[in-house]
Amino acid sequence: MSETITAAAPTALDDDIVLTERAAQEVFSIKEKNNISPSHALRLGVKGGGCSGLSYVLAFDDVVKEKDIILEKHGVRILVDQKSMFYLSGTTLDFSDGLNGRGFVFNNPQAAKTCGCGSSFGV
């Protein structure tokens, strides 16, 4: 069962993922530059793969799945499936525009190992 996003529902896990203001600004900028509807939320997830075993997933989605956790940070709606929340709990999503490159950065306290590119991790 799925539904179109209408409003972010508060959840008990609301503080488990941190989105920095800088990351939120970048999300809004990307949506504007790519004509992505304001109704689309930022979907965070984890999938198997990558050199460390698990990879982060970032996408825009306008469908809330039955077991999604809905968060709202700095005006950004975030969707996280329950399985991914297990791996992402406590994570800070930031945005970097420095000498080492430009992109979103996951600071995950649960990651026991990470790869050099920063897009995969292991627990």
C-alpha atoms as a PDB file:
ATOM      1  CA  MET A   1       0.000   0.000   0.000  1.00  0.00           C
ATOM      2  CA  SER A   2       1.302   3.469  -0.836  1.00  0.00           C
ATOM      3  CA  GLU A   3       0.073   7.031  -0.689  1.00  0.00           C
ATOM      4  CA  THR A   4       1.052  10.392  -2.042  1.00  0.00           C
ATOM      5  CA  ILE A   5       2.849  12.616   0.452  1.00  0.00           C
ATOM      6  CA  THR A   6       0.625  15.284   1.918  1.00  0.00           C
ATOM      7  CA  ALA A   7       2.251  16.170   5.234  1.00  0.00           C
ATOM      8  CA  ALA A   8       5.016  14.921   7.446  1.00  0.00           C
ATOM      9  CA  ALA A   9       3.711  12.936  10.384  1.00  0.00           C
ATOM     10  CA  PRO A  10       5.641  13.264  13.622  1.00  0.00           C
ATOM     11  CA  THR A  11       7.384  10.100  14.754  1.00  0.00           C
ATOM     12  CA  ALA A  12       9.112   8.985  17.923  1.00  0.00           C
ATOM     13  CA  LEU A  13      12.295   8.593  15.873  1.00  0.00           C
ATOM     14  CA  ASP A  14      12.340  12.246  14.835  1.00  0.00           C
ATOM     15  CA  ASP A  15      15.786  12.876  16.346  1.00  0.00           C
ATOM     16  CA  ASP A  16      17.474   9.720  15.060  1.00  0.00           C
ATOM     17  CA  ILE A  17      18.691  11.325  11.815  1.00  0.00           C
ATOM     18  CA  VAL A  18      20.140  14.829  11.670  1.00  0.00           C
ATOM     19  CA  LEU A  19      19.989  16.904   8.488  1.00  0.00           C
ATOM     20  CA  THR A  20      22.226  19.956   8.648  1.00  0.00           C
ATOM     21  CA  GLU A  21      20.959  23.312   7.429  1.00  0.00           C
ATOM     22  CA  ARG A  22      23.614  23.246   4.717  1.00  0.00           C
ATOM     23  CA  ALA A  23      22.337  19.865   3.461  1.00  0.00           C
ATOM     24  CA  ALA A  24      18.739  21.111   3.576  1.00  0.00           C
ATOM     25  CA  GLN A  25      19.664  24.160   1.491  1.00  0.00           C
ATOM     26  CA  GLU A  26      21.307  21.886  -1.076  1.00  0.00           C
ATOM     27  CA  VAL A  27      18.220  19.655  -1.226  1.00  0.00           C
ATOM     28  CA  PHE A  28      16.052  22.706  -1.977  1.00  0.00           C
ATOM     29  CA  SER A  29      18.577  23.934  -4.550  1.00  0.00           C
ATOM     30  CA  ILE A  30      18.657  20.568  -6.356  1.00  0.00           C
ATOM     31  CA  LYS A  31      14.867  20.397  -6.418  1.00  0.00           C
ATOM     32  CA  GLU A  32      14.639  23.907  -7.854  1.00  0.00           C
ATOM     33  CA  LYS A  33      17.361  23.401 -10.495  1.00  0.00           C
ATOM     34  CA  ASN A  34      15.802  20.134 -11.654  1.00  0.00           C
ATOM     35  CA  ASN A  35      12.133  21.196 -11.470  1.00  0.00           C
ATOM     36  CA  ILE A  36      11.363  18.528  -8.869  1.00  0.00           C
ATOM     37  CA  SER A  37       7.963  19.030  -7.316  1.00  0.00           C
ATOM     38  CA  PRO A  38       7.806  20.351  -3.736  1.00  0.00           C
ATOM     39  CA  SER A  39       5.675  17.276  -2.941  1.00  0.00           C
ATOM     40  CA  HIS A  40       8.714  15.025  -3.398  1.00  0.00           C
ATOM     41  CA  ALA A  41      10.512  14.029  -0.212  1.00  0.00           C
ATOM     42  CA  LEU A  42      14.140  13.086   0.220  1.00  0.00           C
ATOM     43  CA  ARG A  43      14.409   9.311   0.536  1.00  0.00           C
ATOM     44  CA  LEU A  44      17.345   8.034   2.575  1.00  0.00           C
ATOM     45  CA  GLY A  45      18.179   4.373   2.520  1.00  0.00           C
ATOM     46  CA  VAL A  46      20.741   1.632   2.667  1.00  0.00           C
ATOM     47  CA  LYS A  47      21.257  -1.198   0.192  1.00  0.00           C
ATOM     48  CA  GLY A  48      23.668  -4.091  -0.003  1.00  0.00           C
ATOM     49  CA  GLY A  49      26.762  -3.445  -2.088  1.00  0.00           C
ATOM     50  CA  GLY A  50      29.785  -1.228  -2.316  1.00  0.00           C
ATOM     51  CA  CYS A  51      33.304  -2.101  -1.271  1.00  0.00           C
ATOM     52  CA  SER A  52      32.413  -2.101   2.454  1.00  0.00           C
ATOM     53  CA  GLY A  53      29.190  -4.125   2.241  1.00  0.00           C
ATOM     54  CA  LEU A  54      26.430  -1.490   2.415  1.00  0.00           C
ATOM     55  CA  SER A  55      25.790   1.616   0.318  1.00  0.00           C
ATOM     56  CA  TYR A  56      23.835   4.775   1.076  1.00  0.00           C
ATOM     57  CA  VAL A  57      20.878   5.694  -1.110  1.00  0.00           C
ATOM     58  CA  LEU A  58      19.650   9.255  -1.726  1.00  0.00           C
ATOM     59  CA  ALA A  59      16.694   9.941  -4.014  1.00  0.00           C
ATOM     60  CA  PHE A  60      13.558  12.037  -4.362  1.00  0.00           C
ATOM     61  CA  ASP A  61      10.248  10.224  -3.936  1.00  0.00           C
ATOM     62  CA  ASP A  62       6.602  11.280  -3.834  1.00  0.00           C
ATOM     63  CA  VAL A  63       5.262   7.964  -2.533  1.00  0.00           C
ATOM     64  CA  VAL A  64       5.133   7.022   1.129  1.00  0.00           C
ATOM     65  CA  LYS A  65       5.359   3.270   1.568  1.00  0.00           C
ATOM     66  CA  GLU A  66       3.394   1.523   4.287  1.00  0.00           C
ATOM     67  CA  LYS A  67       6.331   1.053   6.669  1.00  0.00           C
ATOM     68  CA  ASP A  68       8.181   4.301   5.953  1.00  0.00           C
ATOM     69  CA  ILE A  69       9.273   6.538   8.774  1.00  0.00           C
ATOM     70  CA  ILE A  70       8.552  10.185   7.929  1.00  0.00           C
ATOM     71  CA  LEU A  71      10.777  12.905   9.352  1.00  0.00           C
ATOM     72  CA  GLU A  72      10.930  16.641   8.752  1.00  0.00           C
ATOM     73  CA  LYS A  73      14.153  18.585   9.210  1.00  0.00           C
ATOM     74  CA  HIS A  74      14.643  22.255   8.242  1.00  0.00           C
ATOM     75  CA  GLY A  75      11.552  22.034   6.029  1.00  0.00           C
ATOM     76  CA  VAL A  76      12.774  18.915   4.185  1.00  0.00           C
ATOM     77  CA  ARG A  77      10.543  15.863   4.334  1.00  0.00           C
ATOM     78  CA  ILE A  78      12.607  12.694   4.708  1.00  0.00           C
ATOM     79  CA  LEU A  79      11.419   9.138   4.082  1.00  0.00           C
ATOM     80  CA  VAL A  80      13.315   6.196   5.557  1.00  0.00           C
ATOM     81  CA  ASP A  81      12.230   2.572   5.393  1.00  0.00           C
ATOM     82  CA  GLN A  82      12.378   0.734   8.717  1.00  0.00           C
ATOM     83  CA  LYS A  83      15.208  -1.586   7.658  1.00  0.00           C
ATOM     84  CA  SER A  84      17.387   1.357   6.606  1.00  0.00           C
ATOM     85  CA  MET A  85      16.599   3.223   9.825  1.00  0.00           C
ATOM     86  CA  PHE A  86      18.270   0.372  11.709  1.00  0.00           C
ATOM     87  CA  TYR A  87      21.560   1.270   9.940  1.00  0.00           C
ATOM     88  CA  LEU A  88      21.023   5.051   9.765  1.00  0.00           C
ATOM     89  CA  SER A  89      19.963   5.755  13.341  1.00  0.00           C
ATOM     90  CA  GLY A  90      22.190   8.503  14.742  1.00  0.00           C
ATOM     91  CA  THR A  91      23.471   9.551  11.308  1.00  0.00           C
ATOM     92  CA  THR A  92      24.077  13.176  10.372  1.00  0.00           C
ATOM     93  CA  LEU A  93      23.605  14.039   6.700  1.00  0.00           C
ATOM     94  CA  ASP A  94      25.705  17.061   5.770  1.00  0.00           C
ATOM     95  CA  PHE A  95      26.754  18.726   2.538  1.00  0.00           C
ATOM     96  CA  SER A  96      30.368  19.519   1.724  1.00  0.00           C
ATOM     97  CA  ASP A  97      31.638  21.915  -0.909  1.00  0.00           C
ATOM     98  CA  GLY A  98      35.316  21.833  -0.027  1.00  0.00           C
ATOM     99  CA  LEU A  99      38.672  20.933  -1.502  1.00  0.00           C
ATOM    100  CA  ASN A 100      37.955  17.196  -1.271  1.00  0.00           C
ATOM    101  CA  GLY A 101      34.893  17.486  -3.474  1.00  0.00           C
ATOM    102  CA  ARG A 102      31.273  18.488  -3.484  1.00  0.00           C
ATOM    103  CA  GLY A 103      28.488  16.263  -2.241  1.00  0.00           C
ATOM    104  CA  PHE A 104      26.417  14.893   0.577  1.00  0.00           C
ATOM    105  CA  VAL A 105      28.320  13.383   3.480  1.00  0.00           C
ATOM    106  CA  PHE A 106      26.948  10.708   5.803  1.00  0.00           C
ATOM    107  CA  ASN A 107      28.437  10.838   9.305  1.00  0.00           C
ATOM    108  CA  ASN A 108      27.240   7.496  10.635  1.00  0.00           C
ATOM    109  CA  PRO A 109      28.338   6.519  14.168  1.00  0.00           C
ATOM    110  CA  GLN A 110      27.326   2.917  13.460  1.00  0.00           C
ATOM    111  CA  ALA A 111      29.771   2.515  10.566  1.00  0.00           C
ATOM    112  CA  ALA A 112      32.616   0.302  11.787  1.00  0.00           C
ATOM    113  CA  LYS A 113      34.400   0.638   8.440  1.00  0.00           C
ATOM    114  CA  THR A 114      34.030   2.883   5.411  1.00  0.00           C
ATOM    115  CA  CYS A 115      35.546   3.001   1.962  1.00  0.00           C
ATOM    116  CA  GLY A 116      37.677   5.820   0.611  1.00  0.00           C
ATOM    117  CA  CYS A 117      34.845   7.313  -1.426  1.00  0.00           C
ATOM    118  CA  GLY A 118      32.558   7.551   1.615  1.00  0.00           C
ATOM    119  CA  SER A 119      29.535   6.067  -0.137  1.00  0.00           C
ATOM    120  CA  SER A 120      29.714   2.604   1.395  1.00  0.00           C
ATOM    121  CA  PHE A 121      30.151   1.309   4.918  1.00  0.00           C
ATOM    122  CA  GLY A 122      30.085  -1.801   7.075  1.00  0.00           C
ATOM    123  CA  VAL A 123      28.794  -2.435  10.574  1.00  0.00           C
END
